[in-house]
Amino acid sequence: MLTVETFEQTVIIEKKPTALCFTASWCLPSQTQIKELEEIRGKYEDKFLIEIHDVDQSKELAKSLKVNNLPTTLFFAEGELQEQNCLYGYQDKTMLTDSFECTLWEMENKSSANKYVWWIIGALALVAIALIVYSNYYH
C-alpha cells in the first residue's frame, strides 16, 4: 500500500503507471465505486499499480494529492498526474475502462512521439553539420 513516502519513489521516480482510488467506508458511492473497480481490475493490473485507499486510513496521501471528493480515482503515467483521465465522484465500469484505456494510449503514443522527435532532431543536427562543413569548405 502506497504511503506519502513510497508514492514519490514508486509513482514519480520509477514512473510506474498507477491508478489510485480514494474512498471511504461511510460513503455509499465509494463502496459502489470499489465494486466497479474490482470487476475490471484483472484486465489492467498487469499494466498498472491499482490501489484503493480509504481516506480515513490514508489521510496524509489523500491530503498530499489534494483529494477533495469521494470517490476520486487518479491516474499517473510517466511520473505525472493524467488530469484529463482522472475521475471525480462515482463512475461506472465504462468510464473507469475509458480512463485506463486513455492513459495506456497516451503512454504508448507519447513514447512513440518522443522517438520521432529525437529522430527529427538528429536529422536536423546532421543537416546543420553538413551546411557548416559545406560553407567552410567551399568559401
C-alpha atoms as a PDB file:
ATOM      1  CA  MET A   1       0.000   0.000   0.000  1.00  0.00           C
ATOM      2  CA  LEU A   2       1.418   3.361  -1.014  1.00  0.00           C
ATOM      3  CA  THR A   3       2.210   5.994   1.578  1.00  0.00           C
ATOM      4  CA  VAL A   4       3.341   9.578   1.108  1.00  0.00           C
ATOM      5  CA  GLU A   5       6.923   8.324   1.401  1.00  0.00           C
ATOM      6  CA  THR A   6       6.620   5.412  -1.051  1.00  0.00           C
ATOM      7  CA  PHE A   7       4.428   7.338  -3.517  1.00  0.00           C
ATOM      8  CA  GLU A   8       7.314   9.535  -4.658  1.00  0.00           C
ATOM      9  CA  GLN A   9       9.661   6.583  -5.230  1.00  0.00           C
ATOM     10  CA  THR A  10       7.135   4.284  -6.908  1.00  0.00           C
ATOM     11  CA  VAL A  11       4.977   6.639  -8.959  1.00  0.00           C
ATOM     12  CA  ILE A  12       7.148   9.695  -9.614  1.00  0.00           C
ATOM     13  CA  ILE A  13      10.726   8.369  -9.761  1.00  0.00           C
ATOM     14  CA  GLU A  14      10.121   4.818 -11.043  1.00  0.00           C
ATOM     15  CA  LYS A  15       7.283   6.165 -13.224  1.00  0.00           C
ATOM     16  CA  LYS A  16       5.061   3.156 -12.566  1.00  0.00           C
ATOM     17  CA  PRO A  17       1.638   3.622 -14.209  1.00  0.00           C
ATOM     18  CA  THR A  18      -0.741   3.947 -11.287  1.00  0.00           C
ATOM     19  CA  ALA A  19      -4.453   4.223 -10.563  1.00  0.00           C
ATOM     20  CA  LEU A  20      -5.311   5.372  -7.047  1.00  0.00           C
ATOM     21  CA  CYS A  21      -8.930   5.244  -5.976  1.00  0.00           C
ATOM     22  CA  PHE A  22      -9.740   7.197  -2.808  1.00  0.00           C
ATOM     23  CA  THR A  23     -12.869   6.085  -0.974  1.00  0.00           C
ATOM     24  CA  ALA A  24     -14.405   5.976   2.491  1.00  0.00           C
ATOM     25  CA  SER A  25     -16.238   3.181   4.295  1.00  0.00           C
ATOM     26  CA  TRP A  26     -19.057   5.582   5.235  1.00  0.00           C
ATOM     27  CA  CYS A  27     -19.577   6.808   1.628  1.00  0.00           C
ATOM     28  CA  LEU A  28     -22.106   4.762  -0.389  1.00  0.00           C
ATOM     29  CA  PRO A  29     -20.840   5.986  -3.821  1.00  0.00           C
ATOM     30  CA  SER A  30     -17.338   4.955  -2.716  1.00  0.00           C
ATOM     31  CA  GLN A  31     -18.484   1.446  -1.888  1.00  0.00           C
ATOM     32  CA  THR A  32     -20.172   1.149  -5.287  1.00  0.00           C
ATOM     33  CA  GLN A  33     -17.021   2.517  -6.967  1.00  0.00           C
ATOM     34  CA  ILE A  34     -14.904  -0.149  -5.264  1.00  0.00           C
ATOM     35  CA  LYS A  35     -17.161  -2.875  -6.689  1.00  0.00           C
ATOM     36  CA  GLU A  36     -16.912  -1.413 -10.195  1.00  0.00           C
ATOM     37  CA  LEU A  37     -13.129  -1.122  -9.966  1.00  0.00           C
ATOM     38  CA  GLU A  38     -12.758  -4.652  -8.609  1.00  0.00           C
ATOM     39  CA  GLU A  39     -14.761  -6.004 -11.575  1.00  0.00           C
ATOM     40  CA  ILE A  40     -12.321  -4.580 -14.148  1.00  0.00           C
ATOM     41  CA  ARG A  41      -9.146  -4.770 -12.056  1.00  0.00           C
ATOM     42  CA  GLY A  42      -7.947  -8.057 -13.600  1.00  0.00           C
ATOM     43  CA  LYS A  43      -7.855  -6.503 -17.063  1.00  0.00           C
ATOM     44  CA  TYR A  44      -5.388  -3.774 -16.010  1.00  0.00           C
ATOM     45  CA  GLU A  45      -3.383  -4.957 -13.009  1.00  0.00           C
ATOM     46  CA  ASP A  46      -0.543  -6.232 -15.197  1.00  0.00           C
ATOM     47  CA  LYS A  47      -0.169  -2.701 -16.668  1.00  0.00           C
ATOM     48  CA  PHE A  48      -0.975  -0.530 -13.645  1.00  0.00           C
ATOM     49  CA  LEU A  49      -0.399  -0.419  -9.949  1.00  0.00           C
ATOM     50  CA  ILE A  50      -4.034  -0.255  -8.801  1.00  0.00           C
ATOM     51  CA  GLU A  51      -4.744   0.717  -5.216  1.00  0.00           C
ATOM     52  CA  ILE A  52      -7.866   1.567  -3.282  1.00  0.00           C
ATOM     53  CA  HIS A  53      -7.277   3.855  -0.305  1.00  0.00           C
ATOM     54  CA  ASP A  54      -9.734   4.657   2.453  1.00  0.00           C
ATOM     55  CA  VAL A  55      -9.201   8.365   3.163  1.00  0.00           C
ATOM     56  CA  ASP A  56      -9.626   7.763   6.888  1.00  0.00           C
ATOM     57  CA  GLN A  57      -6.655   5.380   6.825  1.00  0.00           C
ATOM     58  CA  SER A  58      -4.578   7.250   4.200  1.00  0.00           C
ATOM     59  CA  LYS A  59      -5.132  10.840   5.324  1.00  0.00           C
ATOM     60  CA  GLU A  60      -1.615  12.037   4.530  1.00  0.00           C
ATOM     61  CA  LEU A  61      -1.578  10.611   0.998  1.00  0.00           C
ATOM     62  CA  ALA A  62      -5.078  11.936   0.246  1.00  0.00           C
ATOM     63  CA  LYS A  63      -4.091  15.365   1.556  1.00  0.00           C
ATOM     64  CA  SER A  64      -0.828  15.424  -0.415  1.00  0.00           C
ATOM     65  CA  LEU A  65      -2.750  14.623  -3.615  1.00  0.00           C
ATOM     66  CA  LYS A  66      -5.461  17.193  -2.798  1.00  0.00           C
ATOM     67  CA  VAL A  67      -8.323  14.692  -2.776  1.00  0.00           C
ATOM     68  CA  ASN A  68     -11.473  16.685  -2.021  1.00  0.00           C
ATOM     69  CA  ASN A  69     -14.256  14.487  -3.411  1.00  0.00           C
ATOM     70  CA  LEU A  70     -15.193  10.866  -2.843  1.00  0.00           C
ATOM     71  CA  PRO A  71     -14.688   8.670  -4.624  1.00  0.00           C
ATOM     72  CA  THR A  72     -11.735  10.052  -6.577  1.00  0.00           C
ATOM     73  CA  THR A  73      -9.673   7.949  -8.978  1.00  0.00           C
ATOM     74  CA  LEU A  74      -6.336   9.447 -10.014  1.00  0.00           C
ATOM     75  CA  PHE A  75      -4.254   8.151 -12.919  1.00  0.00           C
ATOM     76  CA  PHE A  76      -0.492   8.602 -13.168  1.00  0.00           C
ATOM     77  CA  ALA A  77       1.739   7.812 -16.151  1.00  0.00           C
ATOM     78  CA  GLU A  78       5.409   8.589 -16.738  1.00  0.00           C
ATOM     79  CA  GLY A  79       5.519  10.076 -13.243  1.00  0.00           C
ATOM     80  CA  GLU A  80       2.830  12.656 -13.968  1.00  0.00           C
ATOM     81  CA  LEU A  81      -0.811  13.044 -12.986  1.00  0.00           C
ATOM     82  CA  GLN A  82      -3.004  12.427 -16.020  1.00  0.00           C
ATOM     83  CA  GLU A  83      -5.564  15.063 -15.065  1.00  0.00           C
ATOM     84  CA  GLN A  84      -7.636  14.530 -18.220  1.00  0.00           C
ATOM     85  CA  ASN A  85      -8.222  10.878 -17.250  1.00  0.00           C
ATOM     86  CA  CYS A  86      -8.934  11.337 -13.531  1.00  0.00           C
ATOM     87  CA  LEU A  87     -12.411  10.617 -12.248  1.00  0.00           C
ATOM     88  CA  TYR A  88     -14.214  12.545  -9.535  1.00  0.00           C
ATOM     89  CA  GLY A  89     -17.338  11.104  -7.973  1.00  0.00           C
ATOM     90  CA  TYR A  90     -18.850   7.712  -8.757  1.00  0.00           C
ATOM     91  CA  GLN A  91     -18.124   6.421 -12.280  1.00  0.00           C
ATOM     92  CA  ASP A  92     -19.394   3.238 -13.879  1.00  0.00           C
ATOM     93  CA  LYS A  93     -17.228   0.494 -15.396  1.00  0.00           C
ATOM     94  CA  THR A  94     -17.371   2.129 -18.817  1.00  0.00           C
ATOM     95  CA  MET A  95     -15.888   5.384 -17.531  1.00  0.00           C
ATOM     96  CA  LEU A  96     -13.257   3.526 -15.492  1.00  0.00           C
ATOM     97  CA  THR A  97     -12.317   1.428 -18.512  1.00  0.00           C
ATOM     98  CA  ASP A  98     -12.145   4.533 -20.721  1.00  0.00           C
ATOM     99  CA  SER A  99      -9.768   6.234 -18.274  1.00  0.00           C
ATOM    100  CA  PHE A 100      -7.491   3.188 -18.112  1.00  0.00           C
ATOM    101  CA  GLU A 101      -7.508   2.872 -21.917  1.00  0.00           C
ATOM    102  CA  CYS A 102      -6.867   6.589 -22.477  1.00  0.00           C
ATOM    103  CA  THR A 103      -3.949   6.529 -20.060  1.00  0.00           C
ATOM    104  CA  LEU A 104      -2.478   3.482 -21.819  1.00  0.00           C
ATOM    105  CA  TRP A 105      -2.962   5.080 -25.239  1.00  0.00           C
ATOM    106  CA  GLU A 106      -1.282   8.295 -24.123  1.00  0.00           C
ATOM    107  CA  MET A 107       1.679   6.370 -22.660  1.00  0.00           C
ATOM    108  CA  GLU A 108       2.162   4.409 -25.874  1.00  0.00           C
ATOM    109  CA  ASN A 109       1.801   7.410 -28.152  1.00  0.00           C
ATOM    110  CA  LYS A 110       3.934   9.720 -26.034  1.00  0.00           C
ATOM    111  CA  SER A 111       6.688   7.127 -26.210  1.00  0.00           C
ATOM    112  CA  SER A 112       6.323   6.850 -29.999  1.00  0.00           C
ATOM    113  CA  ALA A 113       6.164  10.614 -30.413  1.00  0.00           C
ATOM    114  CA  ASN A 114       9.364  11.036 -28.391  1.00  0.00           C
ATOM    115  CA  LYS A 115      11.168   8.595 -30.688  1.00  0.00           C
ATOM    116  CA  TYR A 116      10.150  10.643 -33.744  1.00  0.00           C
ATOM    117  CA  VAL A 117      11.125  13.918 -32.095  1.00  0.00           C
ATOM    118  CA  TRP A 118      14.632  12.597 -31.358  1.00  0.00           C
ATOM    119  CA  TRP A 119      14.921  11.223 -34.883  1.00  0.00           C
ATOM    120  CA  ILE A 120      13.983  14.636 -36.327  1.00  0.00           C
ATOM    121  CA  ILE A 121      16.403  16.447 -34.004  1.00  0.00           C
ATOM    122  CA  GLY A 122      19.171  14.065 -35.069  1.00  0.00           C
ATOM    123  CA  ALA A 123      18.399  14.584 -38.750  1.00  0.00           C
ATOM    124  CA  LEU A 124      18.379  18.366 -38.336  1.00  0.00           C
ATOM    125  CA  ALA A 125      21.696  18.227 -36.496  1.00  0.00           C
ATOM    126  CA  LEU A 126      23.235  16.274 -39.372  1.00  0.00           C
ATOM    127  CA  VAL A 127      21.907  18.801 -41.899  1.00  0.00           C
ATOM    128  CA  ALA A 128      23.321  21.675 -39.812  1.00  0.00           C
ATOM    129  CA  ILE A 129      26.717  19.963 -39.617  1.00  0.00           C
ATOM    130  CA  ALA A 130      26.678  19.335 -43.363  1.00  0.00           C
ATOM    131  CA  LEU A 131      25.869  23.011 -44.042  1.00  0.00           C
ATOM    132  CA  ILE A 132      28.672  24.193 -41.764  1.00  0.00           C
ATOM    133  CA  VAL A 133      31.189  21.854 -43.384  1.00  0.00           C
ATOM    134  CA  TYR A 134      29.985  22.826 -46.861  1.00  0.00           C
ATOM    135  CA  SER A 135      30.165  26.587 -46.137  1.00  0.00           C
ATOM    136  CA  ASN A 136      33.645  26.248 -44.577  1.00  0.00           C
ATOM    137  CA  TYR A 137      34.955  24.034 -47.395  1.00  0.00           C
ATOM    138  CA  TYR A 138      33.582  25.954 -50.371  1.00  0.00           C
ATOM    139  CA  HIS A 139      34.020  29.512 -49.110  1.00  0.00           C
END
